[in-house]
Structure formats: C-alpha cells, structure tokens
Amino acid sequence: DGEVHINELKNGNAEMFWNPTSEVRRQRLKRHIVLFEEQTDFESERLWQHVTSAINKGDQHKATQEKSVLEEEQRNAARERRENGTEWKPLLFRHDTTTNEWRYKYEDLRPWDPLNDIAQFEKNGILQTMERHLSTRMSNHKTTCINNQITRHKRSAKDCRRRKTSDQPSNHSQNTESSCSTPESVQELSDDDGKYLGFESLCAQCGKEMNHLKEIHSAVLSLQRAQQDIHR
C-alpha cells in the first residue's frame, strides 16, 4: 500500500520503484485472516511469528536464528518419522506423481464470476465460495426432488387404475379409470405444479438452503445500500 524505493548504496542514488495511487488502493482485495488465538500450531502466521517479529524490528540476525530453529525442528520430526516408519499424510495437499508436485486438494481454478460470486473464504483449510444465486448442486437436487415426486405420483395413478379395474367388471373399466382422482399426464409439470397435484413441499434440505440464500441476498442488498450511502 505504500511507496517502494530502490536505493543504490554505491552512489547513493534513489529510484521510485512503486507508488500506488488511491485508485489502486481502492481496488485491493480485502484480506480476511483467522484470529491468531484460533490458529493451529502449524499455520504460517503462528509458526513463523518469531521470525516475522524479528524482520519487522529489522533484526536480521535474530530472524535468521529463529528460522534455523524452525527448520531444524522440521528436520528432526522428518527423521523420527522415517525411523519409526510413520507415513506423513497431509490434510490439505496431495502429491501429483505426474508433475512430482504437491497440489492443494480444494483448489478452485474456475474464473471469478462477478455476477454470481460474492466472496471466497477459507474454513478449516478448505477454500469455499459464497454465491449469490442458486448453485448448480442445489438446482440438481431440487430437480431430483420434483422428479421423485412425479415418479411416485405416476406410480400411484397406475396402482389406482389397476385396483379399480380389478375390482369392477370389464365393461365398466373405462369409466372406472376416468373416475380415479389422480391425473394421468404429468410430463409437462413445472416446479409450481406440485401444489396442483398435491405434492408435498420441497424437501427439508431444499427449503433450508433456499431460506439461507434469501438471507444472504438480503444481507448483500443491505451492504450495497450502505456502500451507496457512504459514497454519497
């Protein structure tokens, strides 16, 4: 966020390397970090806290010492695992045998969608994206619920016709089928047709996620209004 200068020690010349404008500062992404007291022992900010403190104080010697302490502890731990035959199983990374590289298990490489994506955050080491609209997973789940209800409805209609037909003489079978209260054609149903057919409402998971998305949308609108007020 500040100016960066290149100082040539041989001749004392100074050159401006980076000078961010106010526009650049405004475009900077907001950084969210886990509270220090909630971090685990192996998270970078906690693990390297003494090295960072020494660097901030300009004590290069102390920073080098603290760095050496950390690296030696890691070497000793790796040595003990080899001697004990203990396999190291990373929680958040996997080894790519093709490239011989370690890859983050939950990496999200899709392009950022400014119309749908609200924020990206990390929870328990897993990268997640908060979305504005109904996700594809939710849509598929909702479609599955509707299809299952339609299937049950058609099966019920078929059983009704079979039961009525078996109970009545053959010359009345046509009238009996038409008297069954369940409509036969359901191929053209929309999501709202469930009320007409007497379907139960969306499953609990659908309803819960829909309500959650509505709450998020309301919160976003409130934030947008607040931002507009601030700009004015």
C-alpha atoms as a PDB file:
ATOM      1  CA  ASP A   1       0.000   0.000   0.000  1.00  0.00           C
ATOM      2  CA  GLY A   2       2.991   2.316   0.320  1.00  0.00           C
ATOM      3  CA  GLU A   3       5.864   3.616  -1.746  1.00  0.00           C
ATOM      4  CA  VAL A   4       8.799   1.342  -2.561  1.00  0.00           C
ATOM      5  CA  HIS A   5      12.212   2.823  -3.371  1.00  0.00           C
ATOM      6  CA  ILE A   6      15.358   1.286  -4.808  1.00  0.00           C
ATOM      7  CA  ASN A   7      18.433   2.683  -3.051  1.00  0.00           C
ATOM      8  CA  GLU A   8      21.787   2.233  -4.791  1.00  0.00           C
ATOM      9  CA  LEU A   9      24.333   2.043  -1.984  1.00  0.00           C
ATOM     10  CA  LYS A  10      27.357   2.545  -4.232  1.00  0.00           C
ATOM     11  CA  ASN A  11      26.419   6.022  -5.466  1.00  0.00           C
ATOM     12  CA  GLY A  12      23.599   6.933  -3.091  1.00  0.00           C
ATOM     13  CA  ASN A  13      21.006   7.266  -5.857  1.00  0.00           C
ATOM     14  CA  ALA A  14      17.366   6.551  -5.009  1.00  0.00           C
ATOM     15  CA  GLU A  15      14.741   5.495  -7.526  1.00  0.00           C
ATOM     16  CA  MET A  16      10.984   5.202  -7.137  1.00  0.00           C
ATOM     17  CA  PHE A  17      10.017   1.578  -7.841  1.00  0.00           C
ATOM     18  CA  TRP A  18       6.337   1.518  -6.807  1.00  0.00           C
ATOM     19  CA  ASN A  19       3.923   4.277  -5.857  1.00  0.00           C
ATOM     20  CA  PRO A  20       0.323   3.033  -5.583  1.00  0.00           C
ATOM     21  CA  THR A  21      -2.363   5.559  -6.365  1.00  0.00           C
ATOM     22  CA  SER A  22      -5.546   5.931  -4.333  1.00  0.00           C
ATOM     23  CA  GLU A  23      -7.380   4.102  -7.155  1.00  0.00           C
ATOM     24  CA  VAL A  24      -5.026   1.130  -6.841  1.00  0.00           C
ATOM     25  CA  ARG A  25      -5.550   1.053  -3.072  1.00  0.00           C
ATOM     26  CA  ARG A  26      -9.331   1.036  -3.510  1.00  0.00           C
ATOM     27  CA  GLN A  27      -9.129  -1.954  -5.877  1.00  0.00           C
ATOM     28  CA  ARG A  28      -7.170  -4.045  -3.445  1.00  0.00           C
ATOM     29  CA  LEU A  29      -8.958  -7.193  -2.309  1.00  0.00           C
ATOM     30  CA  LYS A  30      -9.963  -7.243   1.318  1.00  0.00           C
ATOM     31  CA  ARG A  31      -7.920  -9.728   3.285  1.00  0.00           C
ATOM     32  CA  HIS A  32      -9.633 -11.981   5.812  1.00  0.00           C
ATOM     33  CA  ILE A  33      -7.453 -13.880   8.272  1.00  0.00           C
ATOM     34  CA  VAL A  34      -8.182 -16.315  11.085  1.00  0.00           C
ATOM     35  CA  LEU A  35      -7.776 -14.823  14.540  1.00  0.00           C
ATOM     36  CA  PHE A  36      -4.326 -15.594  15.885  1.00  0.00           C
ATOM     37  CA  GLU A  37      -5.644 -17.319  19.014  1.00  0.00           C
ATOM     38  CA  GLU A  38      -7.801 -19.612  16.826  1.00  0.00           C
ATOM     39  CA  GLN A  39      -4.953 -20.720  14.577  1.00  0.00           C
ATOM     40  CA  THR A  40      -3.368 -24.157  14.917  1.00  0.00           C
ATOM     41  CA  ASP A  41       0.317 -24.630  15.695  1.00  0.00           C
ATOM     42  CA  PHE A  42       1.293 -25.290  12.088  1.00  0.00           C
ATOM     43  CA  GLU A  43      -0.466 -22.326  10.466  1.00  0.00           C
ATOM     44  CA  SER A  44       2.072 -19.980   8.912  1.00  0.00           C
ATOM     45  CA  GLU A  45       1.302 -16.850  10.940  1.00  0.00           C
ATOM     46  CA  ARG A  46       1.658 -18.711  14.252  1.00  0.00           C
ATOM     47  CA  LEU A  47       4.530 -20.955  13.151  1.00  0.00           C
ATOM     48  CA  TRP A  48       6.670 -18.077  11.845  1.00  0.00           C
ATOM     49  CA  GLN A  49       5.630 -15.455  14.420  1.00  0.00           C
ATOM     50  CA  HIS A  50       9.120 -15.051  15.922  1.00  0.00           C
ATOM     51  CA  VAL A  51      10.755 -14.780  12.503  1.00  0.00           C
ATOM     52  CA  THR A  52       8.174 -12.202  11.422  1.00  0.00           C
ATOM     53  CA  SER A  53       8.648 -10.195  14.625  1.00  0.00           C
ATOM     54  CA  ALA A  54      12.410 -10.064  14.114  1.00  0.00           C
ATOM     55  CA  ILE A  55      12.017  -8.968  10.492  1.00  0.00           C
ATOM     56  CA  ASN A  56       9.597  -6.200  11.479  1.00  0.00           C
ATOM     57  CA  LYS A  57      12.126  -4.987  14.046  1.00  0.00           C
ATOM     58  CA  GLY A  58      14.891  -5.033  11.446  1.00  0.00           C
ATOM     59  CA  ASP A  59      16.860  -7.679  13.357  1.00  0.00           C
ATOM     60  CA  GLN A  60      18.154  -9.866  10.532  1.00  0.00           C
ATOM     61  CA  HIS A  61      20.404 -11.875  12.862  1.00  0.00           C
ATOM     62  CA  LYS A  62      17.518 -12.799  15.178  1.00  0.00           C
ATOM     63  CA  ALA A  63      15.282 -13.631  12.190  1.00  0.00           C
ATOM     64  CA  THR A  64      17.932 -15.999  10.805  1.00  0.00           C
ATOM     65  CA  GLN A  65      18.287 -17.708  14.188  1.00  0.00           C
ATOM     66  CA  GLU A  66      14.545 -18.243  14.578  1.00  0.00           C
ATOM     67  CA  LYS A  67      14.306 -19.553  11.020  1.00  0.00           C
ATOM     68  CA  SER A  68      17.101 -22.057  11.709  1.00  0.00           C
ATOM     69  CA  VAL A  69      15.304 -23.262  14.853  1.00  0.00           C
ATOM     70  CA  LEU A  70      12.128 -23.966  12.891  1.00  0.00           C
ATOM     71  CA  GLU A  71      13.911 -25.755  10.060  1.00  0.00           C
ATOM     72  CA  GLU A  72      15.902 -27.933  12.483  1.00  0.00           C
ATOM     73  CA  GLU A  73      12.699 -28.944  14.292  1.00  0.00           C
ATOM     74  CA  GLN A  74      11.157 -29.945  10.964  1.00  0.00           C
ATOM     75  CA  ARG A  75      14.235 -31.991  10.011  1.00  0.00           C
ATOM     76  CA  ASN A  76      14.172 -33.796  13.356  1.00  0.00           C
ATOM     77  CA  ALA A  77      10.457 -34.573  13.001  1.00  0.00           C
ATOM     78  CA  ALA A  78      11.011 -35.978   9.491  1.00  0.00           C
ATOM     79  CA  ARG A  79      13.927 -38.062  10.763  1.00  0.00           C
ATOM     80  CA  GLU A  80      11.831 -39.517  13.583  1.00  0.00           C
ATOM     81  CA  ARG A  81       9.038 -40.445  11.152  1.00  0.00           C
ATOM     82  CA  ARG A  82      11.492 -42.271   8.910  1.00  0.00           C
ATOM     83  CA  GLU A  83      12.978 -44.164  11.848  1.00  0.00           C
ATOM     84  CA  ASN A  84       9.534 -45.124  13.173  1.00  0.00           C
ATOM     85  CA  GLY A  85       8.152 -45.950   9.731  1.00  0.00           C
ATOM     86  CA  THR A  86       5.383 -43.371  10.167  1.00  0.00           C
ATOM     87  CA  GLU A  87       3.768 -42.179   6.936  1.00  0.00           C
ATOM     88  CA  TRP A  88       3.149 -38.453   6.633  1.00  0.00           C
ATOM     89  CA  LYS A  89      -0.427 -37.826   5.477  1.00  0.00           C
ATOM     90  CA  PRO A  90      -1.117 -34.179   4.604  1.00  0.00           C
ATOM     91  CA  LEU A  91      -4.659 -32.982   5.315  1.00  0.00           C
ATOM     92  CA  LEU A  92      -4.909 -30.336   2.598  1.00  0.00           C
ATOM     93  CA  PHE A  93      -2.399 -31.365  -0.084  1.00  0.00           C
ATOM     94  CA  ARG A  94      -1.908 -34.310  -2.439  1.00  0.00           C
ATOM     95  CA  HIS A  95       1.153 -35.416  -4.356  1.00  0.00           C
ATOM     96  CA  ASP A  96       0.857 -35.274  -8.145  1.00  0.00           C
ATOM     97  CA  THR A  97       3.003 -38.146  -9.393  1.00  0.00           C
ATOM     98  CA  THR A  98       2.864 -36.820 -12.967  1.00  0.00           C
ATOM     99  CA  THR A  99       4.479 -33.462 -12.193  1.00  0.00           C
ATOM    100  CA  ASN A 100       6.078 -34.564  -8.894  1.00  0.00           C
ATOM    101  CA  GLU A 101       4.465 -31.559  -7.205  1.00  0.00           C
ATOM    102  CA  TRP A 102       2.233 -31.059  -4.195  1.00  0.00           C
ATOM    103  CA  ARG A 103      -1.207 -29.682  -5.070  1.00  0.00           C
ATOM    104  CA  TYR A 104      -3.853 -28.159  -2.838  1.00  0.00           C
ATOM    105  CA  LYS A 105      -6.784 -30.606  -2.643  1.00  0.00           C
ATOM    106  CA  TYR A 106      -9.524 -27.974  -2.742  1.00  0.00           C
ATOM    107  CA  GLU A 107      -8.097 -25.569  -5.323  1.00  0.00           C
ATOM    108  CA  ASP A 108     -10.706 -23.635  -7.312  1.00  0.00           C
ATOM    109  CA  LEU A 109      -9.339 -22.664 -10.726  1.00  0.00           C
ATOM    110  CA  ARG A 110     -12.582 -21.520 -12.349  1.00  0.00           C
ATOM    111  CA  PRO A 111     -12.833 -17.858 -13.407  1.00  0.00           C
ATOM    112  CA  TRP A 112     -14.329 -15.481 -10.879  1.00  0.00           C
ATOM    113  CA  ASP A 113     -17.939 -14.669 -11.724  1.00  0.00           C
ATOM    114  CA  PRO A 114     -18.653 -11.118 -10.501  1.00  0.00           C
ATOM    115  CA  LEU A 115     -22.395 -11.546 -11.149  1.00  0.00           C
ATOM    116  CA  ASN A 116     -22.703 -14.663  -9.006  1.00  0.00           C
ATOM    117  CA  ASP A 117     -19.696 -14.950  -6.687  1.00  0.00           C
ATOM    118  CA  ILE A 118     -19.876 -12.828  -3.533  1.00  0.00           C
ATOM    119  CA  ALA A 119     -16.781 -13.812  -1.572  1.00  0.00           C
ATOM    120  CA  GLN A 120     -14.198 -16.550  -1.318  1.00  0.00           C
ATOM    121  CA  PHE A 121     -13.067 -17.685   2.093  1.00  0.00           C
ATOM    122  CA  GLU A 122     -11.231 -20.470   3.857  1.00  0.00           C
ATOM    123  CA  LYS A 123     -12.829 -22.585   6.546  1.00  0.00           C
ATOM    124  CA  ASN A 124     -10.817 -25.292   8.292  1.00  0.00           C
ATOM    125  CA  GLY A 125      -8.277 -25.082   5.498  1.00  0.00           C
ATOM    126  CA  ILE A 126     -10.904 -25.671   2.773  1.00  0.00           C
ATOM    127  CA  LEU A 127     -11.410 -22.946   0.177  1.00  0.00           C
ATOM    128  CA  GLN A 128     -15.087 -22.099  -0.347  1.00  0.00           C
ATOM    129  CA  THR A 129     -17.036 -19.595  -2.443  1.00  0.00           C
ATOM    130  CA  MET A 130     -20.192 -17.821  -1.315  1.00  0.00           C
ATOM    131  CA  GLU A 131     -22.526 -17.477  -4.298  1.00  0.00           C
ATOM    132  CA  ARG A 132     -25.399 -15.062  -4.929  1.00  0.00           C
ATOM    133  CA  HIS A 133     -27.651 -17.370  -6.970  1.00  0.00           C
ATOM    134  CA  LEU A 134     -28.876 -20.912  -6.582  1.00  0.00           C
ATOM    135  CA  SER A 135     -25.940 -23.205  -7.142  1.00  0.00           C
ATOM    136  CA  THR A 136     -25.959 -25.962  -9.730  1.00  0.00           C
ATOM    137  CA  ARG A 137     -25.870 -28.505  -6.951  1.00  0.00           C
ATOM    138  CA  MET A 138     -28.977 -27.040  -5.383  1.00  0.00           C
ATOM    139  CA  SER A 139     -30.740 -26.874  -8.749  1.00  0.00           C
ATOM    140  CA  ASN A 140     -29.929 -30.511  -9.459  1.00  0.00           C
ATOM    141  CA  HIS A 141     -31.121 -31.505  -6.003  1.00  0.00           C
ATOM    142  CA  LYS A 142     -34.368 -29.608  -6.471  1.00  0.00           C
ATOM    143  CA  THR A 143     -34.907 -31.218  -9.885  1.00  0.00           C
ATOM    144  CA  THR A 144     -34.304 -34.652  -8.349  1.00  0.00           C
ATOM    145  CA  CYS A 145     -36.898 -33.948  -5.650  1.00  0.00           C
ATOM    146  CA  ILE A 146     -39.502 -32.926  -8.236  1.00  0.00           C
ATOM    147  CA  ASN A 147     -38.738 -35.945 -10.454  1.00  0.00           C
ATOM    148  CA  ASN A 148     -39.049 -38.305  -7.490  1.00  0.00           C
ATOM    149  CA  GLN A 149     -42.423 -36.803  -6.605  1.00  0.00           C
ATOM    150  CA  ILE A 150     -43.607 -37.148 -10.208  1.00  0.00           C
ATOM    151  CA  THR A 151     -42.473 -40.792 -10.265  1.00  0.00           C
ATOM    152  CA  ARG A 152     -44.375 -41.542  -7.065  1.00  0.00           C
ATOM    153  CA  HIS A 153     -47.417 -39.734  -8.472  1.00  0.00           C
ATOM    154  CA  LYS A 154     -47.392 -41.730 -11.703  1.00  0.00           C
ATOM    155  CA  ARG A 155     -46.939 -44.979  -9.782  1.00  0.00           C
ATOM    156  CA  SER A 156     -49.871 -44.047  -7.557  1.00  0.00           C
ATOM    157  CA  ALA A 157     -52.021 -43.334 -10.631  1.00  0.00           C
ATOM    158  CA  LYS A 158     -51.071 -46.666 -12.178  1.00  0.00           C
ATOM    159  CA  ASP A 159     -51.868 -48.564  -8.969  1.00  0.00           C
ATOM    160  CA  CYS A 160     -55.191 -46.747  -8.745  1.00  0.00           C
ATOM    161  CA  ARG A 161     -56.184 -47.762 -12.273  1.00  0.00           C
ATOM    162  CA  ARG A 162     -55.096 -51.345 -11.711  1.00  0.00           C
ATOM    163  CA  ARG A 163     -57.009 -51.564  -8.435  1.00  0.00           C
ATOM    164  CA  LYS A 164     -60.183 -50.072  -9.892  1.00  0.00           C
ATOM    165  CA  THR A 165     -60.009 -52.253 -12.973  1.00  0.00           C
ATOM    166  CA  SER A 166     -59.595 -55.456 -10.978  1.00  0.00           C
ATOM    167  CA  ASP A 167     -62.486 -54.578  -8.671  1.00  0.00           C
ATOM    168  CA  GLN A 168     -65.028 -53.729 -11.395  1.00  0.00           C
ATOM    169  CA  PRO A 169     -66.474 -55.678 -14.341  1.00  0.00           C
ATOM    170  CA  SER A 170     -64.631 -55.242 -17.619  1.00  0.00           C
ATOM    171  CA  ASN A 171     -67.478 -53.258 -19.246  1.00  0.00           C
ATOM    172  CA  HIS A 172     -67.099 -50.591 -16.547  1.00  0.00           C
ATOM    173  CA  SER A 173     -63.307 -50.431 -16.608  1.00  0.00           C
ATOM    174  CA  GLN A 174     -63.222 -47.395 -18.877  1.00  0.00           C
ATOM    175  CA  ASN A 175     -65.483 -45.389 -16.591  1.00  0.00           C
ATOM    176  CA  THR A 176     -63.617 -46.584 -13.506  1.00  0.00           C
ATOM    177  CA  GLU A 177     -60.269 -45.363 -14.847  1.00  0.00           C
ATOM    178  CA  SER A 178     -61.678 -41.949 -15.590  1.00  0.00           C
ATOM    179  CA  SER A 179     -63.117 -41.743 -12.072  1.00  0.00           C
ATOM    180  CA  CYS A 180     -59.688 -42.085 -10.471  1.00  0.00           C
ATOM    181  CA  SER A 181     -58.843 -38.699  -8.916  1.00  0.00           C
ATOM    182  CA  THR A 182     -55.190 -38.765  -9.977  1.00  0.00           C
ATOM    183  CA  PRO A 183     -54.441 -37.180 -13.366  1.00  0.00           C
ATOM    184  CA  GLU A 184     -52.513 -39.390 -15.752  1.00  0.00           C
ATOM    185  CA  SER A 185     -50.469 -36.889 -17.757  1.00  0.00           C
ATOM    186  CA  VAL A 186     -47.676 -35.282 -15.729  1.00  0.00           C
ATOM    187  CA  GLN A 187     -44.934 -34.946 -18.322  1.00  0.00           C
ATOM    188  CA  GLU A 188     -45.352 -31.169 -18.663  1.00  0.00           C
ATOM    189  CA  LEU A 189     -45.166 -30.316 -14.993  1.00  0.00           C
ATOM    190  CA  SER A 190     -43.377 -27.218 -13.812  1.00  0.00           C
ATOM    191  CA  ASP A 191     -41.888 -26.670 -10.384  1.00  0.00           C
ATOM    192  CA  ASP A 192     -45.056 -24.904  -9.247  1.00  0.00           C
ATOM    193  CA  ASP A 193     -47.383 -27.668 -10.412  1.00  0.00           C
ATOM    194  CA  GLY A 194     -46.717 -29.592  -7.208  1.00  0.00           C
ATOM    195  CA  LYS A 195     -49.375 -27.574  -5.447  1.00  0.00           C
ATOM    196  CA  TYR A 196     -51.973 -28.528  -8.069  1.00  0.00           C
ATOM    197  CA  LEU A 197     -51.117 -32.219  -7.786  1.00  0.00           C
ATOM    198  CA  GLY A 198     -50.989 -32.194  -4.009  1.00  0.00           C
ATOM    199  CA  PHE A 199     -47.219 -32.837  -3.866  1.00  0.00           C
ATOM    200  CA  GLU A 200     -45.535 -32.192  -0.588  1.00  0.00           C
ATOM    201  CA  SER A 201     -43.411 -29.063  -0.484  1.00  0.00           C
ATOM    202  CA  LEU A 202     -39.692 -29.101  -1.274  1.00  0.00           C
ATOM    203  CA  CYS A 203     -37.647 -31.388   0.915  1.00  0.00           C
ATOM    204  CA  ALA A 204     -36.169 -30.030   4.139  1.00  0.00           C
ATOM    205  CA  GLN A 205     -32.715 -29.570   2.631  1.00  0.00           C
ATOM    206  CA  CYS A 206     -34.075 -27.563  -0.319  1.00  0.00           C
ATOM    207  CA  GLY A 207     -36.179 -25.357   1.928  1.00  0.00           C
ATOM    208  CA  LYS A 208     -33.341 -24.766   4.368  1.00  0.00           C
ATOM    209  CA  GLU A 209     -30.858 -23.825   1.662  1.00  0.00           C
ATOM    210  CA  MET A 210     -33.394 -21.624  -0.096  1.00  0.00           C
ATOM    211  CA  ASN A 211     -34.045 -19.716   3.130  1.00  0.00           C
ATOM    212  CA  HIS A 212     -30.304 -19.412   3.724  1.00  0.00           C
ATOM    213  CA  LEU A 213     -29.776 -17.995   0.247  1.00  0.00           C
ATOM    214  CA  LYS A 214     -32.590 -15.485   0.781  1.00  0.00           C
ATOM    215  CA  GLU A 215     -30.924 -14.320   3.997  1.00  0.00           C
ATOM    216  CA  ILE A 216     -27.591 -13.909   2.216  1.00  0.00           C
ATOM    217  CA  HIS A 217     -29.234 -11.990  -0.614  1.00  0.00           C
ATOM    218  CA  SER A 218     -30.942  -9.651   1.858  1.00  0.00           C
ATOM    219  CA  ALA A 219     -27.650  -9.073   3.644  1.00  0.00           C
ATOM    220  CA  VAL A 220     -25.892  -8.271   0.373  1.00  0.00           C
ATOM    221  CA  LEU A 221     -28.573  -5.767  -0.598  1.00  0.00           C
ATOM    222  CA  SER A 222     -28.241  -4.113   2.798  1.00  0.00           C
ATOM    223  CA  LEU A 223     -24.470  -3.829   2.370  1.00  0.00           C
ATOM    224  CA  GLN A 224     -24.875  -2.395  -1.103  1.00  0.00           C
ATOM    225  CA  ARG A 225     -27.247   0.276   0.200  1.00  0.00           C
ATOM    226  CA  ALA A 226     -24.798   1.121   2.969  1.00  0.00           C
ATOM    227  CA  GLN A 227     -21.968   1.432   0.431  1.00  0.00           C
ATOM    228  CA  GLN A 228     -24.087   3.781  -1.688  1.00  0.00           C
ATOM    229  CA  ASP A 229     -24.813   5.929   1.380  1.00  0.00           C
ATOM    230  CA  ILE A 230     -21.096   6.057   2.191  1.00  0.00           C
ATOM    231  CA  HIS A 231     -20.204   7.121  -1.359  1.00  0.00           C
ATOM    232  CA  ARG A 232     -22.844   9.873  -1.256  1.00  0.00           C
END
